[in-house]
C-alpha atoms as a PDB file:
ATOM      1  CA  MET A   1     116.592 119.735 113.343  1.00  0.00           C
ATOM      2  CA  LYS A   2     115.306 117.082 116.217  1.00  0.00           C
ATOM      3  CA  VAL A   3     113.775 113.711 115.462  1.00  0.00           C
ATOM      4  CA  TYR A   4     111.763 111.509 117.599  1.00  0.00           C
ATOM      5  CA  ILE A   5     111.787 107.815 117.206  1.00  0.00           C
ATOM      6  CA  SER A   6     110.001 105.509 118.567  1.00  0.00           C
ATOM      7  CA  ALA A   7     110.633 101.371 118.294  1.00  0.00           C
ATOM      8  CA  ASP A   8     108.507  98.650 118.596  1.00  0.00           C
ATOM      9  CA  ILE A   9     109.078  94.917 118.050  1.00  0.00           C
ATOM     10  CA  GLU A  10     105.799  93.295 116.682  1.00  0.00           C
ATOM     11  CA  GLY A  11     106.518  94.847 113.349  1.00  0.00           C
ATOM     12  CA  ILE A  12     110.012  93.797 112.862  1.00  0.00           C
ATOM     13  CA  THR A  13     110.904  91.787 110.172  1.00  0.00           C
ATOM     14  CA  GLY A  14     110.578  88.567 110.712  1.00  0.00           C
ATOM     15  CA  THR A  15     109.005  88.367 114.071  1.00  0.00           C
ATOM     16  CA  THR A  16     106.191  85.630 114.128  1.00  0.00           C
ATOM     17  CA  VAL A  17     105.412  84.284 117.742  1.00  0.00           C
ATOM     18  CA  TRP A  18     105.106  85.972 120.908  1.00  0.00           C
ATOM     19  CA  SER A  19     108.415  84.137 122.283  1.00  0.00           C
ATOM     20  CA  GLU A  20     110.373  85.898 119.659  1.00  0.00           C
ATOM     21  CA  THR A  21     109.275  89.333 121.439  1.00  0.00           C
ATOM     22  CA  GLU A  22     109.651  88.446 125.247  1.00  0.00           C
ATOM     23  CA  LEU A  23     112.634  89.483 127.266  1.00  0.00           C
ATOM     24  CA  ASN A  24     114.750  86.183 128.557  1.00  0.00           C
ATOM     25  CA  THR A  25     112.860  83.847 126.348  1.00  0.00           C
ATOM     26  CA  SER A  26     115.515  81.597 123.988  1.00  0.00           C
ATOM     27  CA  ASP A  27     113.903  82.928 120.672  1.00  0.00           C
ATOM     28  CA  TYR A  28     114.358  86.660 121.704  1.00  0.00           C
ATOM     29  CA  VAL A  29     118.093  87.339 121.165  1.00  0.00           C
ATOM     30  CA  GLN A  30     117.700  87.273 117.373  1.00  0.00           C
ATOM     31  CA  PHE A  31     114.923  89.802 117.228  1.00  0.00           C
ATOM     32  CA  GLN A  32     116.148  91.949 119.457  1.00  0.00           C
ATOM     33  CA  GLN A  33     119.359  92.267 117.798  1.00  0.00           C
ATOM     34  CA  GLN A  34     117.344  93.030 114.416  1.00  0.00           C
ATOM     35  CA  MET A  35     115.097  95.516 115.951  1.00  0.00           C
ATOM     36  CA  THR A  36     118.599  97.320 116.883  1.00  0.00           C
ATOM     37  CA  LYS A  37     119.651  97.067 113.636  1.00  0.00           C
ATOM     38  CA  GLU A  38     116.284  98.661 112.259  1.00  0.00           C
ATOM     39  CA  VAL A  39     116.666 101.488 114.741  1.00  0.00           C
ATOM     40  CA  LEU A  40     120.408 101.646 113.803  1.00  0.00           C
ATOM     41  CA  ALA A  41     119.505 102.295 110.103  1.00  0.00           C
ATOM     42  CA  ALA A  42     116.604 104.664 110.947  1.00  0.00           C
ATOM     43  CA  ILE A  43     119.396 106.898 112.900  1.00  0.00           C
ATOM     44  CA  GLU A  44     121.322 106.564 109.995  1.00  0.00           C
ATOM     45  CA  GLY A  45     118.603 107.841 107.711  1.00  0.00           C
ATOM     46  CA  ALA A  46     117.568 110.487 109.908  1.00  0.00           C
ATOM     47  CA  PHE A  47     120.973 111.955 110.316  1.00  0.00           C
ATOM     48  CA  ALA A  48     121.626 111.590 106.478  1.00  0.00           C
ATOM     49  CA  GLY A  49     118.440 113.921 106.087  1.00  0.00           C
ATOM     50  CA  GLY A  50     119.405 116.787 108.240  1.00  0.00           C
ATOM     51  CA  ALA A  51     118.761 115.728 111.636  1.00  0.00           C
ATOM     52  CA  SER A  52     121.071 117.066 114.227  1.00  0.00           C
ATOM     53  CA  GLU A  53     119.717 115.555 117.421  1.00  0.00           C
ATOM     54  CA  ILE A  54     117.323 112.246 118.270  1.00  0.00           C
ATOM     55  CA  LEU A  55     115.360 111.090 121.165  1.00  0.00           C
ATOM     56  CA  LEU A  56     115.138 107.241 120.896  1.00  0.00           C
ATOM     57  CA  LYS A  57     112.058 105.724 122.694  1.00  0.00           C
ATOM     58  CA  ASP A  58     112.217 102.028 123.441  1.00  0.00           C
ATOM     59  CA  ALA A  59     108.563 101.221 123.308  1.00  0.00           C
ATOM     60  CA  HIS A  60     107.940  97.513 123.792  1.00  0.00           C
ATOM     61  CA  ASP A  61     107.180  95.253 126.685  1.00  0.00           C
ATOM     62  CA  SER A  62     109.494  96.172 129.119  1.00  0.00           C
ATOM     63  CA  GLY A  63     110.924  99.330 127.125  1.00  0.00           C
ATOM     64  CA  ARG A  64     114.630  97.857 127.650  1.00  0.00           C
ATOM     65  CA  ASN A  65     115.100  95.806 124.368  1.00  0.00           C
ATOM     66  CA  ILE A  66     117.428  97.861 122.065  1.00  0.00           C
ATOM     67  CA  LEU A  67     121.425  97.381 122.516  1.00  0.00           C
ATOM     68  CA  ILE A  68     122.695 100.493 123.508  1.00  0.00           C
ATOM     69  CA  GLU A  69     126.341 100.103 122.873  1.00  0.00           C
ATOM     70  CA  ASN A  70     126.383 101.112 119.154  1.00  0.00           C
ATOM     71  CA  LEU A  71     123.933 103.937 119.803  1.00  0.00           C
ATOM     72  CA  PRO A  72     125.953 107.121 117.737  1.00  0.00           C
ATOM     73  CA  GLU A  73     126.407 110.510 119.642  1.00  0.00           C
ATOM     74  CA  ASN A  74     123.971 113.130 119.347  1.00  0.00           C
ATOM     75  CA  VAL A  75     120.987 110.481 120.061  1.00  0.00           C
ATOM     76  CA  LYS A  76     119.527 109.725 123.707  1.00  0.00           C
ATOM     77  CA  ILE A  77     117.189 107.027 124.772  1.00  0.00           C
ATOM     78  CA  ILE A  78     114.147 106.634 127.284  1.00  0.00           C
ATOM     79  CA  ARG A  79     114.408 103.116 128.287  1.00  0.00           C
ATOM     80  CA  GLY A  80     111.979 101.967 130.655  1.00  0.00           C
ATOM     81  CA  TRP A  81     108.261 103.504 131.068  1.00  0.00           C
ATOM     82  CA  THR A  82     107.841 106.895 132.488  1.00  0.00           C
ATOM     83  CA  GLN A  83     104.163 105.991 133.486  1.00  0.00           C
ATOM     84  CA  GLU A  84     102.898 109.207 132.035  1.00  0.00           C
ATOM     85  CA  PRO A  85     100.147 108.886 129.474  1.00  0.00           C
ATOM     86  CA  MET A  86     102.406 109.955 126.423  1.00  0.00           C
ATOM     87  CA  CYS A  87     103.342 106.385 127.071  1.00  0.00           C
ATOM     88  CA  MET A  88     105.139 104.868 123.798  1.00  0.00           C
ATOM     89  CA  VAL A  89     106.012 108.812 122.648  1.00  0.00           C
ATOM     90  CA  ALA A  90     106.727 109.773 126.048  1.00  0.00           C
ATOM     91  CA  GLY A  91     109.275 113.021 125.854  1.00  0.00           C
ATOM     92  CA  LEU A  92     107.887 114.138 122.714  1.00  0.00           C
ATOM     93  CA  ASP A  93     107.139 117.897 122.812  1.00  0.00           C
ATOM     94  CA  GLU A  94     106.566 120.673 120.429  1.00  0.00           C
ATOM     95  CA  SER A  95     110.492 121.268 119.850  1.00  0.00           C
ATOM     96  CA  PHE A  96     110.768 118.121 117.804  1.00  0.00           C
ATOM     97  CA  ASP A  97     110.745 118.628 113.999  1.00  0.00           C
ATOM     98  CA  ARG A  98     109.019 115.120 113.032  1.00  0.00           C
ATOM     99  CA  ALA A  99     108.642 111.630 114.413  1.00  0.00           C
ATOM    100  CA  ILE A 100     109.321 108.371 113.139  1.00  0.00           C
ATOM    101  CA  PHE A 101     107.739 104.842 114.137  1.00  0.00           C
ATOM    102  CA  ILE A 102     109.790 101.678 113.532  1.00  0.00           C
ATOM    103  CA  GLY A 103     108.840  98.209 113.878  1.00  0.00           C
ATOM    104  CA  TYR A 104     105.103  99.085 114.546  1.00  0.00           C
ATOM    105  CA  HIS A 105     102.067  96.927 113.858  1.00  0.00           C
ATOM    106  CA  SER A 106      98.310  96.160 112.808  1.00  0.00           C
ATOM    107  CA  GLU A 107      95.878  96.862 115.511  1.00  0.00           C
ATOM    108  CA  GLY A 108      93.973  94.867 117.812  1.00  0.00           C
ATOM    109  CA  GLY A 109      91.439  92.043 116.046  1.00  0.00           C
ATOM    110  CA  SER A 110      93.383  92.247 112.948  1.00  0.00           C
ATOM    111  CA  GLU A 111      94.301  88.696 110.935  1.00  0.00           C
ATOM    112  CA  LYS A 112      97.234  90.385 109.111  1.00  0.00           C
ATOM    113  CA  ASN A 113      99.769  89.930 111.609  1.00  0.00           C
ATOM    114  CA  PRO A 114     100.163  87.030 114.325  1.00  0.00           C
ATOM    115  CA  LEU A 115     101.433  89.799 116.594  1.00  0.00           C
ATOM    116  CA  ALA A 116      98.728  92.247 116.042  1.00  0.00           C
ATOM    117  CA  HIS A 117      97.458  94.295 119.247  1.00  0.00           C
ATOM    118  CA  THR A 118      96.821  97.654 120.351  1.00  0.00           C
ATOM    119  CA  LEU A 119      98.521  98.308 123.841  1.00  0.00           C
ATOM    120  CA  SER A 120      97.058  95.316 125.485  1.00  0.00           C
ATOM    121  CA  LEU A 121      96.330  91.843 124.937  1.00  0.00           C
ATOM    122  CA  LEU A 122      93.343  92.098 126.922  1.00  0.00           C
ATOM    123  CA  ALA A 123      91.166  94.473 124.996  1.00  0.00           C
ATOM    124  CA  ASP A 124      91.037  96.014 121.648  1.00  0.00           C
ATOM    125  CA  VAL A 125      90.340 100.091 120.962  1.00  0.00           C
ATOM    126  CA  LYS A 126      88.143 102.053 119.117  1.00  0.00           C
ATOM    127  CA  ILE A 127      88.570 105.565 118.245  1.00  0.00           C
ATOM    128  CA  ASN A 128      85.298 107.087 116.395  1.00  0.00           C
ATOM    129  CA  GLY A 129      84.113 103.929 115.014  1.00  0.00           C
ATOM    130  CA  GLU A 130      87.481 102.515 113.709  1.00  0.00           C
ATOM    131  CA  TYR A 131      89.752  99.922 115.493  1.00  0.00           C
ATOM    132  CA  ALA A 132      92.878 101.873 116.534  1.00  0.00           C
ATOM    133  CA  SER A 133      95.932 101.114 115.904  1.00  0.00           C
ATOM    134  CA  GLU A 134      99.109 101.889 117.993  1.00  0.00           C
ATOM    135  CA  PHE A 135     100.301 103.969 115.042  1.00  0.00           C
ATOM    136  CA  LEU A 136      97.055 106.119 115.591  1.00  0.00           C
ATOM    137  CA  ILE A 137      97.127 106.335 119.048  1.00  0.00           C
ATOM    138  CA  ASN A 138     100.516 107.822 118.861  1.00  0.00           C
ATOM    139  CA  THR A 139     100.296 109.856 115.874  1.00  0.00           C
ATOM    140  CA  TYR A 140      97.235 111.593 117.525  1.00  0.00           C
ATOM    141  CA  ALA A 141      99.610 112.078 120.432  1.00  0.00           C
ATOM    142  CA  ALA A 142     102.158 113.620 118.109  1.00  0.00           C
ATOM    143  CA  ALA A 143      99.559 115.799 116.730  1.00  0.00           C
ATOM    144  CA  LEU A 144      98.939 117.061 120.211  1.00  0.00           C
ATOM    145  CA  HIS A 145     102.300 118.809 120.138  1.00  0.00           C
ATOM    146  CA  GLY A 146     102.014 119.826 116.406  1.00  0.00           C
ATOM    147  CA  VAL A 147     104.439 117.361 115.431  1.00  0.00           C
ATOM    148  CA  PRO A 148     104.030 114.915 112.096  1.00  0.00           C
ATOM    149  CA  VAL A 149     104.829 111.302 111.403  1.00  0.00           C
ATOM    150  CA  ALA A 150     107.114 111.000 108.800  1.00  0.00           C
ATOM    151  CA  PHE A 151     108.215 107.610 108.355  1.00  0.00           C
ATOM    152  CA  VAL A 152     106.829 104.280 109.778  1.00  0.00           C
ATOM    153  CA  SER A 153     107.820 100.539 109.168  1.00  0.00           C
ATOM    154  CA  GLY A 154     105.788  97.405 110.015  1.00  0.00           C
ATOM    155  CA  ASP A 155     103.514  94.745 108.460  1.00  0.00           C
ATOM    156  CA  LYS A 156     101.904  95.574 105.488  1.00  0.00           C
ATOM    157  CA  ALA A 157      98.196  96.016 106.596  1.00  0.00           C
ATOM    158  CA  LEU A 158      99.868  98.611 108.783  1.00  0.00           C
ATOM    159  CA  THR A 159     101.353 100.858 105.856  1.00  0.00           C
ATOM    160  CA  GLU A 160      98.068  99.983 103.864  1.00  0.00           C
ATOM    161  CA  HIS A 161      96.014 101.412 107.153  1.00  0.00           C
ATOM    162  CA  ILE A 162      98.359 104.716 107.423  1.00  0.00           C
ATOM    163  CA  SER A 163      97.759 105.330 103.491  1.00  0.00           C
ATOM    164  CA  ARG A 164      94.200 106.031 104.207  1.00  0.00           C
ATOM    165  CA  HIS A 165      95.285 108.274 106.654  1.00  0.00           C
ATOM    166  CA  ASN A 166      97.807 110.489 105.026  1.00  0.00           C
ATOM    167  CA  ASP A 167      99.281 108.855 101.678  1.00  0.00           C
ATOM    168  CA  GLU A 168     102.248 111.650 102.397  1.00  0.00           C
ATOM    169  CA  ILE A 169     103.691 109.572 105.394  1.00  0.00           C
ATOM    170  CA  ILE A 170     106.201 107.057 103.823  1.00  0.00           C
ATOM    171  CA  THR A 171     105.927 103.727 104.895  1.00  0.00           C
ATOM    172  CA  PHE A 172     107.995 100.206 104.753  1.00  0.00           C
ATOM    173  CA  ALA A 173     106.623  97.172 104.514  1.00  0.00           C
ATOM    174  CA  THR A 174     108.567  94.765 106.406  1.00  0.00           C
ATOM    175  CA  LYS A 175     106.257  91.670 106.261  1.00  0.00           C
ATOM    176  CA  GLU A 176     102.727  90.327 105.378  1.00  0.00           C
ATOM    177  CA  GLY A 177     100.711  88.016 108.112  1.00  0.00           C
ATOM    178  CA  ILE A 178      98.787  84.977 106.785  1.00  0.00           C
ATOM    179  CA  GLY A 179      97.215  83.428 109.481  1.00  0.00           C
ATOM    180  CA  HIS A 180      99.977  82.442 112.481  1.00  0.00           C
ATOM    181  CA  ALA A 181     102.717  82.763 109.644  1.00  0.00           C
ATOM    182  CA  THR A 182     104.505  85.687 107.915  1.00  0.00           C
ATOM    183  CA  ILE A 183     106.175  86.231 104.619  1.00  0.00           C
ATOM    184  CA  SER A 184     108.969  88.591 105.481  1.00  0.00           C
ATOM    185  CA  VAL A 185     111.219  90.516 103.359  1.00  0.00           C
ATOM    186  CA  SER A 186     115.380  90.225 103.596  1.00  0.00           C
ATOM    187  CA  PRO A 187     116.270  91.587 106.863  1.00  0.00           C
ATOM    188  CA  GLN A 188     118.944  93.482 104.793  1.00  0.00           C
ATOM    189  CA  THR A 189     116.328  94.706 102.556  1.00  0.00           C
ATOM    190  CA  THR A 190     114.713  96.331 105.472  1.00  0.00           C
ATOM    191  CA  LEU A 191     118.016  98.304 106.750  1.00  0.00           C
ATOM    192  CA  LYS A 192     118.603  99.379 103.287  1.00  0.00           C
ATOM    193  CA  GLU A 193     115.345 100.751 102.900  1.00  0.00           C
ATOM    194  CA  THR A 194     114.935 102.179 106.116  1.00  0.00           C
ATOM    195  CA  LYS A 195     117.864 104.393 105.991  1.00  0.00           C
ATOM    196  CA  ARG A 196     117.064 105.363 102.301  1.00  0.00           C
ATOM    197  CA  LEU A 197     113.159 106.120 102.603  1.00  0.00           C
ATOM    198  CA  ILE A 198     114.121 107.916 105.936  1.00  0.00           C
ATOM    199  CA  GLU A 199     116.298 110.209 104.740  1.00  0.00           C
ATOM    200  CA  GLU A 200     113.760 111.012 101.772  1.00  0.00           C
ATOM    201  CA  ALA A 201     111.036 111.467 104.171  1.00  0.00           C
ATOM    202  CA  MET A 202     112.970 113.910 106.412  1.00  0.00           C
ATOM    203  CA  LYS A 203     112.601 116.174 102.967  1.00  0.00           C
ATOM    204  CA  ILE A 204     109.034 116.177 102.776  1.00  0.00           C
ATOM    205  CA  GLU A 205     107.386 119.636 104.126  1.00  0.00           C
ATOM    206  CA  ARG A 206     105.889 118.942 107.426  1.00  0.00           C
ATOM    207  CA  SER A 207     102.480 120.344 106.559  1.00  0.00           C
ATOM    208  CA  LYS A 208     101.958 117.746 104.098  1.00  0.00           C
ATOM    209  CA  LEU A 209     102.936 115.097 106.800  1.00  0.00           C
ATOM    210  CA  GLN A 210     100.849 115.962 109.534  1.00  0.00           C
ATOM    211  CA  ILE A 211      97.597 114.358 110.651  1.00  0.00           C
ATOM    212  CA  GLU A 212      94.921 116.887 112.179  1.00  0.00           C
ATOM    213  CA  LEU A 213      93.348 115.975 115.579  1.00  0.00           C
ATOM    214  CA  PRO A 214      89.437 115.088 115.175  1.00  0.00           C
ATOM    215  CA  LYS A 215      87.340 117.868 116.957  1.00  0.00           C
ATOM    216  CA  GLN A 216      85.309 115.029 119.094  1.00  0.00           C
ATOM    217  CA  PHE A 217      86.564 111.499 120.306  1.00  0.00           C
ATOM    218  CA  ASN A 218      83.989 108.750 120.918  1.00  0.00           C
ATOM    219  CA  VAL A 219      86.463 105.824 122.179  1.00  0.00           C
ATOM    220  CA  GLU A 220      85.350 102.639 122.947  1.00  0.00           C
ATOM    221  CA  ILE A 221      87.543  99.740 124.980  1.00  0.00           C
ATOM    222  CA  ILE A 222      86.400  96.391 124.221  1.00  0.00           C
ATOM    223  CA  TYR A 223      87.265  93.931 127.016  1.00  0.00           C
ATOM    224  CA  LYS A 224      87.680  90.096 126.556  1.00  0.00           C
ATOM    225  CA  ASP A 225      86.427  90.179 130.063  1.00  0.00           C
ATOM    226  CA  HIS A 226      83.253  91.585 130.555  1.00  0.00           C
ATOM    227  CA  ILE A 227      83.715  91.803 134.769  1.00  0.00           C
ATOM    228  CA  LYS A 228      86.790  94.073 133.913  1.00  0.00           C
ATOM    229  CA  ALA A 229      84.735  95.928 131.514  1.00  0.00           C
ATOM    230  CA  TYR A 230      82.014  96.630 134.120  1.00  0.00           C
ATOM    231  CA  ARG A 231      84.586  97.758 136.885  1.00  0.00           C
ATOM    232  CA  ASN A 232      86.489  99.925 134.600  1.00  0.00           C
ATOM    233  CA  SER A 233      83.211 101.579 133.449  1.00  0.00           C
ATOM    234  CA  PHE A 234      83.524 103.452 136.619  1.00  0.00           C
ATOM    235  CA  TYR A 235      86.555 105.352 135.643  1.00  0.00           C
ATOM    236  CA  PRO A 236      85.289 109.366 135.600  1.00  0.00           C
ATOM    237  CA  GLY A 237      83.247 109.986 132.346  1.00  0.00           C
ATOM    238  CA  ALA A 238      83.424 106.599 131.376  1.00  0.00           C
ATOM    239  CA  LYS A 239      80.131 104.069 130.860  1.00  0.00           C
ATOM    240  CA  PHE A 240      79.379 100.690 130.212  1.00  0.00           C
ATOM    241  CA  LYS A 241      78.246  99.333 126.701  1.00  0.00           C
ATOM    242  CA  ALA A 242      76.727  95.952 126.783  1.00  0.00           C
ATOM    243  CA  HIS A 243      78.485  93.497 126.553  1.00  0.00           C
ATOM    244  CA  ASN A 244      81.769  93.857 127.205  1.00  0.00           C
ATOM    245  CA  THR A 245      82.769  97.383 126.384  1.00  0.00           C
ATOM    246  CA  VAL A 246      83.836 100.698 128.169  1.00  0.00           C
ATOM    247  CA  GLN A 247      82.756 104.177 126.379  1.00  0.00           C
ATOM    248  CA  PHE A 248      83.911 107.407 126.886  1.00  0.00           C
ATOM    249  CA  GLU A 249      83.463 110.445 124.912  1.00  0.00           C
ATOM    250  CA  THR A 250      85.686 113.789 125.031  1.00  0.00           C
ATOM    251  CA  THR A 251      87.108 116.941 122.909  1.00  0.00           C
ATOM    252  CA  ASP A 252      90.598 116.799 124.518  1.00  0.00           C
ATOM    253  CA  TYR A 253      92.839 114.107 123.021  1.00  0.00           C
ATOM    254  CA  PHE A 254      95.147 114.100 126.247  1.00  0.00           C
ATOM    255  CA  GLU A 255      92.161 112.747 128.230  1.00  0.00           C
ATOM    256  CA  VAL A 256      91.941 109.411 125.643  1.00  0.00           C
ATOM    257  CA  LEU A 257      95.639 109.169 126.375  1.00  0.00           C
ATOM    258  CA  ARG A 258      94.907 109.166 130.102  1.00  0.00           C
ATOM    259  CA  LEU A 259      91.839 106.650 129.658  1.00  0.00           C
ATOM    260  CA  LEU A 260      94.070 104.540 127.727  1.00  0.00           C
ATOM    261  CA  GLN A 261      96.811 104.573 130.661  1.00  0.00           C
ATOM    262  CA  PHE A 262      94.759 103.683 133.139  1.00  0.00           C
ATOM    263  CA  LEU A 263      92.140 101.375 131.581  1.00  0.00           C
ATOM    264  CA  THR A 264      94.133  99.272 128.875  1.00  0.00           C
END
């Protein structure tokens, strides 16, 4: 059983300000270590639940955050960025049984996590009228290959967002955002519950976890800079929507991923 894990940091236990997420800042090391511990707990849970092989994507910022010295055998890691449209789930294909997302966060514009964003701090993204989280974007990407997402950890608002899409997906809330603050659970609680819940998630029928791709995609990228929006509206098939939005429609979700690769 092959399992894919994508790990971010803005939903890791305790992260509250940007300096705690940025390589080479004084605040970063503590949360780099916590991110690594939460990923290792996820790996332990996946193996306990029957996984035989794991591919791990370091999916934050430089893609070089997870401390790799303690990764067990039968785990491979993608560090850095492949520059392909699958982005945070690069390397995921139909050979995987299920996917797991660690340290994910609320969508851009949300007030429920001080670090909320979607792909970039320069723009927010809507898909079919809904502000899109990285969870939704990457879950749809997994669905292109028929792979369901079984477990997600991150802030409380994200777990509520996920339950509205599919309440069979198991989630764990590491923290709750209030303004520019967070209320976090104990890091030890996160490690224990991540391992336990992922082992449980490994046993859920794939068909119950699967989120189906919509038949049509209406994508809006809402920029903070209207000049960038106008420039990017010349992307093939896109159009400018007043005052600072690029709009794009397609029936092919890979084209959505390609759009996001070039315009966010």
